[in-house]
């Protein structure tokens, strides 16, 4: 746990949709809440339809969580570039999101059912 953000289990079922398809569904989502940002739902990678995701060359860095690797969604209508990110080796305090993936709200829709 960090003073900059908090990570907690997200209750209920969460679904992610993109390109007209369900990309993933889970009951094991985590919610990361960070001051100044909307809460983000993280899906376990095995529940996030990894077969729809292609690793991107894009990497970004967060001073609190570490380096994020990005992924394109392989949709029937064509690739949705850099639509998701994952911290594969998060910094101390963010270890709970290792093995999880999140989706940009403007590129995919995450719903709580």
Protein backbone atom coordinates (compact mmCIF):
# COMPACT_ATOMS: atom_id res chain seq x y z
CA UNK A 1 0.00 0.00 0.00
CA UNK A 2 1.24 3.46 -0.86
CA UNK A 3 0.29 6.91 0.36
CA UNK A 4 -0.03 7.94 -3.32
CA UNK A 5 -2.60 5.27 -4.24
CA UNK A 6 -4.56 2.37 -2.80
CA UNK A 7 -5.33 -1.06 -4.22
CA UNK A 8 -8.32 -3.10 -3.06
CA UNK A 9 -10.47 -5.94 -4.37
CA UNK A 10 -13.25 -4.68 -6.64
CA UNK A 11 -16.53 -6.33 -5.69
CA UNK A 12 -18.74 -8.07 -8.21
CA UNK A 13 -18.20 -9.11 -11.80
CA UNK A 14 -16.27 -6.84 -14.16
CA UNK A 15 -16.33 -7.07 -17.96
CA UNK A 16 -14.14 -5.32 -20.53
CA UNK A 17 -15.43 -4.76 -24.07
CA UNK A 18 -13.65 -3.39 -27.12
CA UNK A 19 -14.19 -3.50 -30.86
CA UNK A 20 -17.66 -4.98 -30.39
CA UNK A 21 -16.45 -8.00 -28.40
CA UNK A 22 -16.08 -9.04 -24.78
CA UNK A 23 -12.34 -9.10 -24.14
CA UNK A 24 -12.44 -10.29 -20.55
CA UNK A 25 -14.57 -11.02 -17.51
CA UNK A 26 -13.54 -11.52 -13.90
CA UNK A 27 -14.70 -11.71 -10.31
CA UNK A 28 -11.08 -11.14 -9.18
CA UNK A 29 -10.59 -7.52 -10.29
CA UNK A 30 -8.61 -5.00 -8.29
CA UNK A 31 -9.42 -1.30 -8.06
CA UNK A 32 -6.54 1.15 -7.93
CA UNK A 33 -7.47 4.58 -6.61
CA UNK A 34 -4.94 7.37 -7.08
CA UNK A 35 -5.38 10.98 -6.02
CA UNK A 36 -6.32 13.16 -8.98
CA UNK A 37 -7.34 10.27 -11.27
CA UNK A 38 -10.44 8.17 -11.87
CA UNK A 39 -10.27 4.73 -10.20
CA UNK A 40 -8.85 2.03 -12.50
CA UNK A 41 -10.01 -1.58 -12.64
CA UNK A 42 -7.21 -4.12 -13.12
CA UNK A 43 -8.05 -7.58 -14.50
CA UNK A 44 -6.00 -10.70 -13.79
CA UNK A 45 -4.20 -11.27 -17.09
CA UNK A 46 -5.61 -14.79 -17.38
CA UNK A 47 -9.15 -13.33 -17.19
CA UNK A 48 -8.47 -10.53 -19.69
CA UNK A 49 -8.55 -12.45 -22.97
CA UNK A 50 -4.80 -12.37 -23.51
CA UNK A 51 -5.44 -13.99 -26.92
CA UNK A 52 -6.90 -10.62 -28.01
CA UNK A 53 -3.84 -8.68 -26.84
CA UNK A 54 -0.60 -8.04 -28.71
CA UNK A 55 2.38 -6.57 -26.89
CA UNK A 56 3.21 -3.03 -28.00
CA UNK A 57 6.64 -1.42 -28.07
CA UNK A 58 5.20 1.39 -25.92
CA UNK A 59 6.44 1.70 -22.37
CA UNK A 60 5.55 4.39 -19.88
CA UNK A 61 6.86 5.07 -16.43
CA UNK A 62 5.02 5.99 -13.24
CA UNK A 63 7.20 7.18 -10.35
CA UNK A 64 4.93 5.31 -7.90
CA UNK A 65 4.17 2.06 -9.77
CA UNK A 66 7.12 1.58 -12.16
CA UNK A 67 7.34 0.77 -15.86
CA UNK A 68 4.15 -0.17 -17.70
CA UNK A 69 4.16 -2.31 -20.84
CA UNK A 70 1.35 -1.56 -23.30
CA UNK A 71 -0.81 -3.82 -25.44
CA UNK A 72 -2.88 -3.46 -28.62
CA UNK A 73 -6.29 -5.14 -28.79
CA UNK A 74 -6.68 -7.31 -31.89
CA UNK A 75 -10.28 -6.44 -32.80
CA UNK A 76 -12.17 -7.71 -35.87
CA UNK A 77 -12.39 -4.12 -37.11
CA UNK A 78 -8.61 -3.72 -36.78
CA UNK A 79 -6.08 -3.16 -34.01
CA UNK A 80 -6.88 -0.78 -31.19
CA UNK A 81 -3.43 0.61 -30.46
CA UNK A 82 -2.00 0.87 -26.98
CA UNK A 83 -5.37 0.08 -25.41
CA UNK A 84 -4.10 -1.60 -22.25
CA UNK A 85 -1.16 -1.56 -19.87
CA UNK A 86 0.41 -3.84 -17.30
CA UNK A 87 3.10 -3.41 -14.65
CA UNK A 88 5.17 -6.56 -15.01
CA UNK A 89 7.63 -5.63 -12.26
CA UNK A 90 5.88 -2.99 -10.14
CA UNK A 91 7.68 -0.91 -7.55
CA UNK A 92 7.33 -1.69 -3.82
CA UNK A 93 3.83 -0.82 -2.66
CA UNK A 94 2.28 -1.73 -6.02
CA UNK A 95 3.10 -5.46 -6.02
CA UNK A 96 -0.61 -6.38 -5.88
CA UNK A 97 -1.10 -5.37 -9.55
CA UNK A 98 1.68 -7.63 -10.85
CA UNK A 99 0.06 -10.06 -13.28
CA UNK A 100 -2.90 -7.70 -13.84
CA UNK A 101 -3.83 -5.54 -16.82
CA UNK A 102 -5.88 -2.34 -17.15
CA UNK A 103 -7.58 -0.70 -20.13
CA UNK A 104 -7.74 2.92 -21.28
CA UNK A 105 -11.31 4.20 -20.93
CA UNK A 106 -11.25 5.88 -24.34
CA UNK A 107 -10.28 2.58 -26.04
CA UNK A 108 -12.25 -0.06 -24.10
CA UNK A 109 -15.30 -0.13 -21.84
CA UNK A 110 -15.04 -1.64 -18.36
CA UNK A 111 -18.38 -2.40 -16.71
CA UNK A 112 -19.38 -3.70 -13.31
CA UNK A 113 -22.26 -6.16 -13.61
